[in-house]
N, C-alpha and C. Protein backbone atom coordinates (compact mmCIF):
# COMPACT_ATOMS: atom_id res chain seq x y z
N MET A 1 21.68 -6.26 15.99
CA MET A 1 20.88 -7.30 15.39
C MET A 1 20.67 -6.94 13.93
N LYS A 2 21.18 -7.77 13.04
CA LYS A 2 21.02 -7.57 11.60
C LYS A 2 20.70 -8.90 10.94
N SER A 3 19.79 -8.85 9.98
CA SER A 3 19.52 -10.00 9.15
C SER A 3 20.43 -9.91 7.93
N LEU A 4 20.74 -11.03 7.34
CA LEU A 4 21.63 -11.01 6.20
C LEU A 4 20.95 -10.37 4.98
N TYR A 5 19.74 -10.82 4.63
CA TYR A 5 19.07 -10.35 3.41
C TYR A 5 17.76 -9.62 3.65
N HIS A 6 17.24 -9.63 4.87
CA HIS A 6 15.92 -9.06 5.15
C HIS A 6 16.02 -7.76 5.94
N PHE A 7 15.01 -6.92 5.75
CA PHE A 7 14.81 -5.78 6.65
C PHE A 7 14.10 -6.31 7.89
N ILE A 8 14.36 -5.72 9.03
CA ILE A 8 13.59 -6.03 10.24
C ILE A 8 12.77 -4.79 10.54
N VAL A 9 11.45 -4.98 10.66
CA VAL A 9 10.54 -3.86 10.87
C VAL A 9 9.62 -4.13 12.04
N LYS A 10 8.95 -3.07 12.49
CA LYS A 10 7.89 -3.21 13.48
C LYS A 10 6.73 -2.35 13.02
N PRO A 11 5.52 -2.64 13.48
CA PRO A 11 4.38 -1.81 13.08
C PRO A 11 4.59 -0.36 13.51
N LEU A 12 4.19 0.57 12.66
CA LEU A 12 4.31 1.99 12.99
C LEU A 12 3.42 2.33 14.18
N GLU A 13 2.21 1.79 14.18
CA GLU A 13 1.28 2.00 15.30
C GLU A 13 0.84 0.65 15.83
N GLU A 14 -0.18 0.08 15.23
CA GLU A 14 -0.71 -1.22 15.63
C GLU A 14 -0.65 -2.18 14.45
N ARG A 15 -0.80 -3.48 14.72
CA ARG A 15 -0.80 -4.48 13.65
C ARG A 15 -2.05 -4.39 12.78
N TYR A 16 -3.15 -3.98 13.39
CA TYR A 16 -4.41 -3.88 12.65
C TYR A 16 -4.87 -2.43 12.63
N ASP A 17 -5.42 -2.04 11.51
CA ASP A 17 -5.91 -0.67 11.31
C ASP A 17 -7.44 -0.75 11.16
N ASN A 18 -8.12 -1.00 12.28
CA ASN A 18 -9.56 -1.25 12.22
C ASN A 18 -10.37 -0.31 13.11
N ILE A 19 -9.80 0.82 13.46
CA ILE A 19 -10.50 1.80 14.30
C ILE A 19 -10.55 3.13 13.55
N ARG A 20 -11.73 3.71 13.45
CA ARG A 20 -11.90 5.02 12.81
C ARG A 20 -12.48 5.99 13.83
N ARG A 21 -12.05 7.21 13.77
CA ARG A 21 -12.53 8.27 14.66
C ARG A 21 -13.77 8.89 14.04
N VAL A 22 -14.89 8.85 14.75
CA VAL A 22 -16.14 9.46 14.32
C VAL A 22 -16.55 10.44 15.40
N ASP A 23 -16.55 11.72 15.04
CA ASP A 23 -16.79 12.80 16.00
C ASP A 23 -15.78 12.67 17.14
N ASP A 24 -16.25 12.40 18.35
CA ASP A 24 -15.32 12.30 19.48
C ASP A 24 -15.19 10.87 19.99
N ARG A 25 -15.59 9.89 19.17
CA ARG A 25 -15.55 8.49 19.61
C ARG A 25 -14.81 7.61 18.61
N ASN A 26 -14.29 6.50 19.12
CA ASN A 26 -13.65 5.52 18.25
C ASN A 26 -14.67 4.48 17.82
N LEU A 27 -14.67 4.16 16.53
CA LEU A 27 -15.56 3.16 15.97
C LEU A 27 -14.72 2.00 15.48
N ILE A 28 -14.97 0.80 16.02
CA ILE A 28 -14.27 -0.40 15.58
C ILE A 28 -15.01 -0.93 14.37
N ILE A 29 -14.35 -0.93 13.21
CA ILE A 29 -15.03 -1.29 11.97
C ILE A 29 -14.84 -2.75 11.58
N ASN A 30 -13.96 -3.47 12.29
CA ASN A 30 -13.75 -4.87 12.00
C ASN A 30 -13.15 -5.54 13.23
N THR A 31 -13.67 -6.73 13.59
CA THR A 31 -13.13 -7.45 14.75
C THR A 31 -12.51 -8.78 14.35
N SER A 32 -12.45 -9.06 13.07
CA SER A 32 -11.92 -10.33 12.58
C SER A 32 -10.46 -10.17 12.15
N ILE A 33 -9.63 -11.17 12.39
CA ILE A 33 -8.23 -11.09 11.96
C ILE A 33 -8.05 -11.56 10.52
N GLU A 34 -9.06 -12.16 9.92
CA GLU A 34 -8.91 -12.74 8.59
C GLU A 34 -8.92 -11.72 7.46
N ASN A 35 -9.63 -10.61 7.62
CA ASN A 35 -9.80 -9.67 6.51
C ASN A 35 -8.53 -8.85 6.30
N HIS A 36 -7.92 -8.99 5.14
CA HIS A 36 -6.65 -8.33 4.85
C HIS A 36 -6.77 -6.81 4.74
N ARG A 37 -7.97 -6.30 4.50
CA ARG A 37 -8.14 -4.86 4.32
C ARG A 37 -7.88 -4.07 5.61
N PHE A 38 -7.96 -4.73 6.75
CA PHE A 38 -7.82 -4.02 8.02
C PHE A 38 -6.48 -4.30 8.72
N ILE A 39 -5.57 -4.94 8.01
CA ILE A 39 -4.23 -5.16 8.55
C ILE A 39 -3.40 -3.92 8.23
N SER A 40 -2.66 -3.45 9.20
CA SER A 40 -1.84 -2.26 8.98
C SER A 40 -0.75 -2.56 7.96
N LYS A 41 -0.53 -1.62 7.09
CA LYS A 41 0.53 -1.73 6.08
C LYS A 41 1.65 -0.73 6.35
N LYS A 42 1.60 -0.08 7.51
CA LYS A 42 2.61 0.91 7.87
C LYS A 42 3.61 0.29 8.84
N ALA A 43 4.89 0.48 8.53
CA ALA A 43 5.95 -0.08 9.36
C ALA A 43 7.08 0.93 9.51
N VAL A 44 7.95 0.67 10.46
CA VAL A 44 9.15 1.47 10.65
C VAL A 44 10.34 0.51 10.67
N VAL A 45 11.44 0.91 10.03
CA VAL A 45 12.62 0.06 9.91
C VAL A 45 13.40 0.04 11.22
N VAL A 46 13.68 -1.16 11.70
CA VAL A 46 14.48 -1.35 12.90
C VAL A 46 15.92 -1.72 12.52
N SER A 47 16.07 -2.49 11.44
CA SER A 47 17.40 -2.93 10.99
C SER A 47 17.39 -3.14 9.48
N THR A 48 18.50 -2.81 8.83
CA THR A 48 18.63 -2.99 7.39
C THR A 48 19.47 -4.24 7.11
N PRO A 49 19.39 -4.81 5.91
CA PRO A 49 20.16 -6.03 5.60
C PRO A 49 21.66 -5.79 5.66
N ALA A 50 22.40 -6.81 6.07
CA ALA A 50 23.85 -6.72 6.17
C ALA A 50 24.53 -7.01 4.83
N ALA A 51 23.88 -7.74 3.94
CA ALA A 51 24.52 -8.22 2.72
C ALA A 51 24.63 -7.17 1.61
N TYR A 52 23.87 -6.08 1.69
CA TYR A 52 23.92 -5.09 0.62
C TYR A 52 23.52 -3.72 1.15
N ASP A 53 23.90 -2.68 0.40
CA ASP A 53 23.54 -1.31 0.75
C ASP A 53 22.16 -0.99 0.19
N THR A 54 21.46 -0.11 0.87
CA THR A 54 20.12 0.28 0.45
C THR A 54 19.89 1.75 0.78
N LYS A 55 18.98 2.37 0.05
CA LYS A 55 18.61 3.76 0.34
C LYS A 55 17.69 3.87 1.55
N ILE A 56 17.11 2.75 1.95
CA ILE A 56 16.22 2.71 3.10
C ILE A 56 17.06 2.62 4.37
N ASN A 57 16.78 3.49 5.33
CA ASN A 57 17.58 3.58 6.55
C ASN A 57 16.76 3.21 7.78
N ILE A 58 17.44 2.97 8.88
CA ILE A 58 16.78 2.70 10.15
C ILE A 58 15.93 3.92 10.52
N GLY A 59 14.70 3.68 10.93
CA GLY A 59 13.78 4.76 11.30
C GLY A 59 12.88 5.22 10.17
N ASP A 60 13.15 4.79 8.93
CA ASP A 60 12.30 5.18 7.80
C ASP A 60 10.93 4.53 7.92
N GLU A 61 9.90 5.25 7.48
CA GLU A 61 8.54 4.71 7.46
C GLU A 61 8.31 4.01 6.13
N LEU A 62 7.69 2.84 6.20
CA LEU A 62 7.44 2.02 5.02
C LEU A 62 5.95 1.73 4.87
N TYR A 63 5.54 1.47 3.62
CA TYR A 63 4.26 0.85 3.33
C TYR A 63 4.60 -0.52 2.75
N ILE A 64 4.08 -1.56 3.38
CA ILE A 64 4.50 -2.92 3.07
C ILE A 64 3.31 -3.81 2.74
N HIS A 65 3.61 -5.04 2.37
CA HIS A 65 2.58 -6.04 2.03
C HIS A 65 1.72 -6.33 3.26
N HIS A 66 0.43 -6.54 3.03
CA HIS A 66 -0.50 -6.74 4.15
C HIS A 66 -0.28 -8.04 4.92
N ASN A 67 0.38 -9.03 4.35
CA ASN A 67 0.57 -10.29 5.07
C ASN A 67 1.70 -10.26 6.08
N ILE A 68 2.48 -9.21 6.14
CA ILE A 68 3.60 -9.15 7.08
C ILE A 68 3.10 -9.22 8.52
N PHE A 69 2.13 -8.39 8.88
CA PHE A 69 1.64 -8.33 10.26
C PHE A 69 0.42 -9.23 10.50
N ARG A 70 0.01 -9.96 9.52
CA ARG A 70 -1.22 -10.75 9.60
C ARG A 70 -1.13 -11.87 10.63
N ARG A 71 -2.27 -12.12 11.27
CA ARG A 71 -2.43 -13.29 12.14
C ARG A 71 -3.44 -14.21 11.47
N TRP A 72 -3.39 -15.49 11.79
CA TRP A 72 -4.28 -16.46 11.17
C TRP A 72 -4.55 -17.60 12.14
N TYR A 73 -5.54 -18.41 11.81
CA TYR A 73 -5.89 -19.57 12.63
C TYR A 73 -5.43 -20.84 11.92
N ASP A 74 -4.76 -21.73 12.66
CA ASP A 74 -4.36 -23.01 12.07
C ASP A 74 -5.53 -23.98 12.09
N GLN A 75 -5.31 -25.22 11.61
CA GLN A 75 -6.40 -26.19 11.50
C GLN A 75 -6.97 -26.63 12.85
N LYS A 76 -6.26 -26.33 13.95
CA LYS A 76 -6.77 -26.65 15.28
C LYS A 76 -7.45 -25.46 15.94
N GLY A 77 -7.50 -24.33 15.21
CA GLY A 77 -8.15 -23.14 15.74
C GLY A 77 -7.25 -22.25 16.59
N ASN A 78 -5.96 -22.54 16.59
CA ASN A 78 -5.02 -21.72 17.36
C ASN A 78 -4.58 -20.51 16.53
N GLU A 79 -4.53 -19.37 17.18
CA GLU A 79 -4.12 -18.14 16.50
C GLU A 79 -2.60 -18.15 16.34
N ARG A 80 -2.13 -17.83 15.14
CA ARG A 80 -0.70 -17.86 14.83
C ARG A 80 -0.26 -16.55 14.17
N ASN A 81 1.03 -16.24 14.30
CA ASN A 81 1.63 -15.12 13.60
C ASN A 81 1.97 -15.53 12.17
N SER A 82 2.19 -14.54 11.32
CA SER A 82 2.60 -14.83 9.95
C SER A 82 4.00 -15.44 9.95
N SER A 83 4.39 -16.00 8.82
CA SER A 83 5.71 -16.63 8.72
C SER A 83 6.83 -15.61 8.78
N THR A 84 6.52 -14.32 8.65
CA THR A 84 7.54 -13.28 8.70
C THR A 84 7.84 -12.81 10.12
N HIS A 85 7.09 -13.31 11.09
CA HIS A 85 7.28 -12.89 12.48
C HIS A 85 8.65 -13.36 12.98
N PHE A 86 9.39 -12.44 13.59
CA PHE A 86 10.72 -12.74 14.13
C PHE A 86 10.61 -12.99 15.62
N LYS A 87 10.34 -11.95 16.39
CA LYS A 87 10.13 -12.08 17.82
C LYS A 87 9.47 -10.80 18.32
N ASP A 88 8.82 -10.88 19.44
CA ASP A 88 8.12 -9.75 20.04
C ASP A 88 7.28 -9.03 18.98
N ASP A 89 7.62 -7.79 18.69
CA ASP A 89 6.88 -7.00 17.70
C ASP A 89 7.72 -6.74 16.46
N LEU A 90 8.63 -7.67 16.13
CA LEU A 90 9.56 -7.50 15.01
C LEU A 90 9.26 -8.53 13.92
N TYR A 91 9.43 -8.09 12.65
CA TYR A 91 9.09 -8.91 11.49
C TYR A 91 10.17 -8.78 10.42
N PHE A 92 10.37 -9.85 9.65
CA PHE A 92 11.27 -9.83 8.50
C PHE A 92 10.51 -9.36 7.27
N VAL A 93 11.17 -8.56 6.44
CA VAL A 93 10.56 -8.10 5.19
C VAL A 93 11.62 -8.16 4.10
N VAL A 94 11.27 -8.78 2.97
CA VAL A 94 12.17 -8.78 1.80
C VAL A 94 11.90 -7.51 1.00
N PRO A 95 12.86 -7.03 0.23
CA PRO A 95 12.67 -5.77 -0.51
C PRO A 95 11.44 -5.75 -1.42
N GLU A 96 11.07 -6.89 -1.99
CA GLU A 96 9.92 -6.93 -2.89
C GLU A 96 8.59 -6.72 -2.17
N GLN A 97 8.58 -6.81 -0.83
CA GLN A 97 7.37 -6.59 -0.05
C GLN A 97 7.26 -5.14 0.43
N ILE A 98 8.22 -4.32 0.06
CA ILE A 98 8.19 -2.90 0.42
C ILE A 98 7.71 -2.13 -0.80
N TYR A 99 6.59 -1.41 -0.65
CA TYR A 99 6.02 -0.67 -1.76
C TYR A 99 6.43 0.80 -1.76
N MET A 100 6.68 1.35 -0.58
CA MET A 100 7.02 2.76 -0.48
C MET A 100 7.83 2.99 0.79
N TYR A 101 8.78 3.92 0.70
CA TYR A 101 9.52 4.35 1.88
C TYR A 101 9.62 5.87 1.85
N ASN A 102 9.35 6.50 2.97
CA ASN A 102 9.38 7.96 3.09
C ASN A 102 8.67 8.65 1.93
N LEU A 103 7.50 8.15 1.56
CA LEU A 103 6.66 8.67 0.48
C LEU A 103 7.38 8.67 -0.88
N LYS A 104 8.24 7.68 -1.09
CA LYS A 104 8.87 7.45 -2.39
C LYS A 104 8.58 6.01 -2.78
N SER A 105 8.17 5.81 -4.02
CA SER A 105 7.90 4.45 -4.49
C SER A 105 9.19 3.63 -4.46
N HIS A 106 9.04 2.35 -4.14
CA HIS A 106 10.18 1.45 -4.06
C HIS A 106 10.17 0.49 -5.24
N LEU A 107 11.33 0.18 -5.75
CA LEU A 107 11.52 -0.73 -6.89
C LEU A 107 10.65 -0.28 -8.07
N ASP A 108 9.83 -1.19 -8.61
CA ASP A 108 9.01 -0.81 -9.77
C ASP A 108 7.55 -0.60 -9.40
N TYR A 109 7.28 -0.17 -8.17
CA TYR A 109 5.91 0.10 -7.75
C TYR A 109 5.56 1.57 -8.00
N CYS A 110 4.27 1.82 -8.20
CA CYS A 110 3.78 3.18 -8.33
C CYS A 110 2.41 3.26 -7.66
N PHE A 111 1.92 4.48 -7.44
CA PHE A 111 0.64 4.68 -6.76
C PHE A 111 -0.24 5.58 -7.63
N VAL A 112 -1.51 5.19 -7.73
CA VAL A 112 -2.45 5.83 -8.64
C VAL A 112 -3.71 6.23 -7.89
N LYS A 113 -4.23 7.43 -8.17
CA LYS A 113 -5.48 7.90 -7.58
C LYS A 113 -6.64 7.45 -8.47
N PRO A 114 -7.64 6.79 -7.90
CA PRO A 114 -8.82 6.45 -8.71
C PRO A 114 -9.60 7.72 -9.05
N ILE A 115 -10.35 7.68 -10.15
CA ILE A 115 -11.15 8.84 -10.54
C ILE A 115 -12.62 8.48 -10.55
N LYS A 116 -13.46 9.51 -10.39
CA LYS A 116 -14.91 9.31 -10.36
C LYS A 116 -15.41 8.89 -11.74
N ASN A 117 -16.44 8.05 -11.71
CA ASN A 117 -17.05 7.60 -12.95
C ASN A 117 -17.94 8.71 -13.50
N GLN A 118 -17.73 9.10 -14.74
CA GLN A 118 -18.51 10.15 -15.38
C GLN A 118 -19.77 9.62 -16.06
N ASN A 119 -19.87 8.29 -16.18
CA ASN A 119 -21.01 7.68 -16.85
C ASN A 119 -22.17 7.54 -15.87
N ASN A 120 -23.23 8.31 -16.09
CA ASN A 120 -24.39 8.28 -15.20
C ASN A 120 -25.22 7.01 -15.34
N LEU A 121 -25.01 6.24 -16.39
CA LEU A 121 -25.78 5.03 -16.61
C LEU A 121 -25.22 3.82 -15.86
N GLU A 122 -24.02 3.95 -15.32
CA GLU A 122 -23.40 2.87 -14.56
C GLU A 122 -23.56 3.12 -13.07
N ASN A 123 -23.70 2.04 -12.32
CA ASN A 123 -23.85 2.14 -10.88
C ASN A 123 -22.49 1.92 -10.20
N ARG A 124 -21.48 2.66 -10.64
CA ARG A 124 -20.14 2.59 -10.05
C ARG A 124 -19.70 3.98 -9.67
N LYS A 125 -19.08 4.10 -8.51
CA LYS A 125 -18.62 5.41 -8.08
C LYS A 125 -17.33 5.82 -8.77
N GLU A 126 -16.50 4.83 -9.13
CA GLU A 126 -15.25 5.18 -9.79
C GLU A 126 -15.11 4.45 -11.11
N GLN A 127 -14.35 5.06 -11.99
CA GLN A 127 -14.12 4.49 -13.30
C GLN A 127 -13.17 3.30 -13.15
N PRO A 128 -13.56 2.12 -13.64
CA PRO A 128 -12.71 0.95 -13.44
C PRO A 128 -11.42 1.05 -14.25
N ASN A 129 -10.31 0.68 -13.59
CA ASN A 129 -8.99 0.54 -14.22
C ASN A 129 -8.44 1.82 -14.82
N VAL A 130 -8.89 2.97 -14.34
CA VAL A 130 -8.38 4.26 -14.80
C VAL A 130 -8.02 5.09 -13.58
N GLY A 131 -6.91 5.82 -13.67
CA GLY A 131 -6.51 6.66 -12.55
C GLY A 131 -5.46 7.67 -12.94
N ILE A 132 -5.08 8.48 -11.97
CA ILE A 132 -4.07 9.52 -12.15
C ILE A 132 -2.86 9.13 -11.31
N VAL A 133 -1.68 9.11 -11.93
CA VAL A 133 -0.46 8.74 -11.22
C VAL A 133 -0.16 9.76 -10.13
N LYS A 134 0.04 9.28 -8.91
CA LYS A 134 0.39 10.15 -7.78
C LYS A 134 1.88 10.02 -7.44
N TYR A 135 2.35 8.79 -7.25
CA TYR A 135 3.76 8.53 -6.97
C TYR A 135 4.29 7.61 -8.06
N THR A 136 5.36 8.03 -8.70
CA THR A 136 5.92 7.28 -9.82
C THR A 136 7.25 6.66 -9.40
N ASN A 137 7.99 6.13 -10.35
CA ASN A 137 9.32 5.58 -10.08
C ASN A 137 10.22 5.89 -11.27
N LYS A 138 11.49 5.56 -11.15
CA LYS A 138 12.44 5.94 -12.20
C LYS A 138 12.16 5.25 -13.53
N PHE A 139 11.59 4.06 -13.52
CA PHE A 139 11.27 3.35 -14.76
C PHE A 139 10.17 4.08 -15.53
N LEU A 140 9.12 4.50 -14.80
CA LEU A 140 8.02 5.22 -15.45
C LEU A 140 8.44 6.61 -15.88
N GLU A 141 9.24 7.28 -15.08
CA GLU A 141 9.69 8.62 -15.45
C GLU A 141 10.52 8.59 -16.72
N ALA A 142 11.29 7.51 -16.92
CA ALA A 142 12.07 7.36 -18.16
C ALA A 142 11.15 7.24 -19.37
N LEU A 143 9.93 6.77 -19.16
CA LEU A 143 8.95 6.66 -20.24
C LEU A 143 8.07 7.91 -20.37
N GLY A 144 8.31 8.89 -19.52
CA GLY A 144 7.52 10.12 -19.56
C GLY A 144 6.25 10.07 -18.74
N ILE A 145 6.10 9.04 -17.91
CA ILE A 145 4.92 8.93 -17.05
C ILE A 145 5.27 9.55 -15.70
N THR A 146 4.74 10.73 -15.45
CA THR A 146 5.06 11.50 -14.26
C THR A 146 3.80 11.67 -13.41
N PRO A 147 3.92 12.18 -12.19
CA PRO A 147 2.72 12.45 -11.39
C PRO A 147 1.76 13.36 -12.16
N GLY A 148 0.48 12.98 -12.15
CA GLY A 148 -0.54 13.73 -12.89
C GLY A 148 -0.92 13.11 -14.21
N THR A 149 -0.20 12.07 -14.64
CA THR A 149 -0.50 11.40 -15.90
C THR A 149 -1.75 10.54 -15.73
N LEU A 150 -2.69 10.67 -16.66
CA LEU A 150 -3.91 9.86 -16.67
C LEU A 150 -3.59 8.53 -17.35
N ILE A 151 -3.89 7.43 -16.67
CA ILE A 151 -3.50 6.10 -17.19
C ILE A 151 -4.65 5.10 -17.08
N THR A 152 -4.52 4.02 -17.84
CA THR A 152 -5.36 2.83 -17.69
C THR A 152 -4.45 1.72 -17.20
N PHE A 153 -4.92 0.95 -16.21
CA PHE A 153 -4.12 -0.16 -15.69
C PHE A 153 -4.87 -1.47 -15.86
N THR A 154 -4.15 -2.57 -15.82
CA THR A 154 -4.74 -3.88 -16.06
C THR A 154 -5.67 -4.27 -14.91
N PRO A 155 -6.73 -5.03 -15.21
CA PRO A 155 -7.68 -5.43 -14.17
C PRO A 155 -7.02 -6.26 -13.07
N ASN A 156 -7.48 -6.06 -11.85
CA ASN A 156 -7.05 -6.81 -10.67
C ASN A 156 -5.55 -6.72 -10.39
N SER A 157 -4.94 -5.62 -10.75
CA SER A 157 -3.51 -5.44 -10.51
C SER A 157 -3.25 -4.50 -9.34
N GLU A 158 -4.30 -3.90 -8.80
CA GLU A 158 -4.14 -2.84 -7.81
C GLU A 158 -4.36 -3.34 -6.38
N PHE A 159 -3.61 -2.75 -5.43
CA PHE A 159 -3.77 -2.97 -3.99
C PHE A 159 -4.19 -1.63 -3.41
N GLU A 160 -5.16 -1.62 -2.55
CA GLU A 160 -5.65 -0.37 -1.96
C GLU A 160 -4.81 0.04 -0.75
N PHE A 161 -4.44 1.32 -0.70
CA PHE A 161 -3.70 1.89 0.42
C PHE A 161 -4.34 3.22 0.80
N ILE A 162 -4.24 3.58 2.06
CA ILE A 162 -4.60 4.92 2.53
C ILE A 162 -3.29 5.58 2.92
N ILE A 163 -2.89 6.61 2.17
CA ILE A 163 -1.63 7.30 2.42
C ILE A 163 -1.93 8.77 2.63
N ASP A 164 -1.60 9.27 3.80
CA ASP A 164 -1.88 10.67 4.17
C ASP A 164 -3.35 11.02 3.95
N GLY A 165 -4.25 10.11 4.34
CA GLY A 165 -5.68 10.35 4.24
C GLY A 165 -6.24 10.27 2.82
N GLU A 166 -5.46 9.75 1.90
CA GLU A 166 -5.89 9.66 0.50
C GLU A 166 -5.87 8.21 0.07
N ARG A 167 -6.96 7.76 -0.55
CA ARG A 167 -7.04 6.38 -1.03
C ARG A 167 -6.31 6.27 -2.37
N LEU A 168 -5.31 5.38 -2.41
CA LEU A 168 -4.50 5.19 -3.61
C LEU A 168 -4.41 3.70 -3.93
N TYR A 169 -4.15 3.41 -5.20
CA TYR A 169 -3.89 2.04 -5.62
C TYR A 169 -2.41 1.89 -5.89
N CYS A 170 -1.83 0.83 -5.35
CA CYS A 170 -0.44 0.48 -5.61
C CYS A 170 -0.44 -0.60 -6.69
N MET A 171 0.51 -0.49 -7.61
CA MET A 171 0.66 -1.50 -8.67
C MET A 171 2.08 -1.45 -9.20
N LYS A 172 2.44 -2.44 -9.99
CA LYS A 172 3.75 -2.45 -10.62
C LYS A 172 3.71 -1.62 -11.90
N SER A 173 4.88 -1.18 -12.32
CA SER A 173 4.98 -0.34 -13.51
C SER A 173 4.40 -1.03 -14.75
N ASN A 174 4.64 -2.32 -14.89
CA ASN A 174 4.15 -3.01 -16.09
C ASN A 174 2.64 -3.28 -16.05
N ASP A 175 1.96 -2.89 -14.98
CA ASP A 175 0.51 -2.98 -14.94
C ASP A 175 -0.16 -1.77 -15.60
N ILE A 176 0.62 -0.76 -15.91
CA ILE A 176 0.08 0.39 -16.63
C ILE A 176 0.03 0.03 -18.11
N ALA A 177 -1.18 0.04 -18.66
CA ALA A 177 -1.37 -0.40 -20.04
C ALA A 177 -1.38 0.76 -21.03
N LEU A 178 -1.98 1.91 -20.65
CA LEU A 178 -2.13 3.04 -21.57
C LEU A 178 -1.95 4.35 -20.83
N THR A 179 -1.55 5.37 -21.56
CA THR A 179 -1.61 6.74 -21.05
C THR A 179 -2.63 7.48 -21.90
N HIS A 180 -3.29 8.47 -21.29
CA HIS A 180 -4.33 9.23 -21.98
C HIS A 180 -4.00 10.71 -21.96
N GLU A 181 -4.63 11.42 -22.88
CA GLU A 181 -4.58 12.88 -22.80
C GLU A 181 -5.46 13.29 -21.63
N TYR A 182 -4.96 14.15 -20.80
CA TYR A 182 -5.71 14.62 -19.64
C TYR A 182 -6.76 15.62 -20.12
N GLN A 183 -8.05 15.30 -19.92
CA GLN A 183 -9.15 16.13 -20.41
C GLN A 183 -9.42 17.33 -19.52
N GLY A 184 -9.14 17.18 -18.23
CA GLY A 184 -9.37 18.27 -17.29
C GLY A 184 -10.67 18.14 -16.52
N ASN A 185 -11.56 17.25 -16.94
CA ASN A 185 -12.82 17.07 -16.23
C ASN A 185 -12.80 15.82 -15.33
N GLU A 186 -11.64 15.16 -15.21
CA GLU A 186 -11.53 13.99 -14.36
C GLU A 186 -11.47 14.43 -12.90
N GLU A 187 -12.30 13.79 -12.09
CA GLU A 187 -12.33 14.09 -10.65
C GLU A 187 -11.80 12.89 -9.89
N GLU A 188 -10.96 13.16 -8.90
CA GLU A 188 -10.46 12.09 -8.05
C GLU A 188 -11.58 11.53 -7.20
N ASN A 189 -11.55 10.23 -6.96
CA ASN A 189 -12.54 9.59 -6.09
C ASN A 189 -11.86 9.31 -4.76
N ASN A 190 -11.98 10.24 -3.83
CA ASN A 190 -11.38 10.09 -2.50
C ASN A 190 -12.49 10.18 -1.47
N PRO A 191 -13.05 9.04 -1.05
CA PRO A 191 -14.18 9.07 -0.12
C PRO A 191 -13.79 9.65 1.23
N SER A 192 -14.78 10.14 1.95
CA SER A 192 -14.54 10.81 3.23
C SER A 192 -13.98 9.86 4.29
N TRP A 193 -14.26 8.55 4.18
CA TRP A 193 -13.76 7.63 5.19
C TRP A 193 -12.26 7.40 5.08
N ALA A 194 -11.65 7.76 3.96
CA ALA A 194 -10.20 7.60 3.80
C ALA A 194 -9.51 8.63 4.65
């Protein structure tokens, strides 16, 4: 089974990521299907496109767009699968909806760690639109932006991901507006719930 232009994937674990382990018990943190923050973004490749070659192989783990596994209610109140649903537990994904494979950024996406806000006069835990590059791509590396680079990114350009227990923002390369000299006093903002 091969699609001509799409990857075929299935959820790595479950479609929704709404259960957290607290001590020795499971805590359900969301019971609604509408909230995109609790949809799983982890997938595994079942089939690669037939029309072109790719570095992504069958069995690779992906981080994908949150709408792939999403369910929704139609105007009659019936629960429906997303338009990417193929059959059973299989979904179509276009390359632009893949943000990472095997912990490597895909296409022009990168991942940034938020940093703690140093300003005591503001009631924000993290500094807005500033972060440290964690996963880069070949376009950014050509510009000298490597992992560990302190950057400013454009407002509302980031998507939140939890990767290996670390909260990261995914964005496109052109969303990085500035690079800064690393001062050394910047602290990552990685909350315990991540």
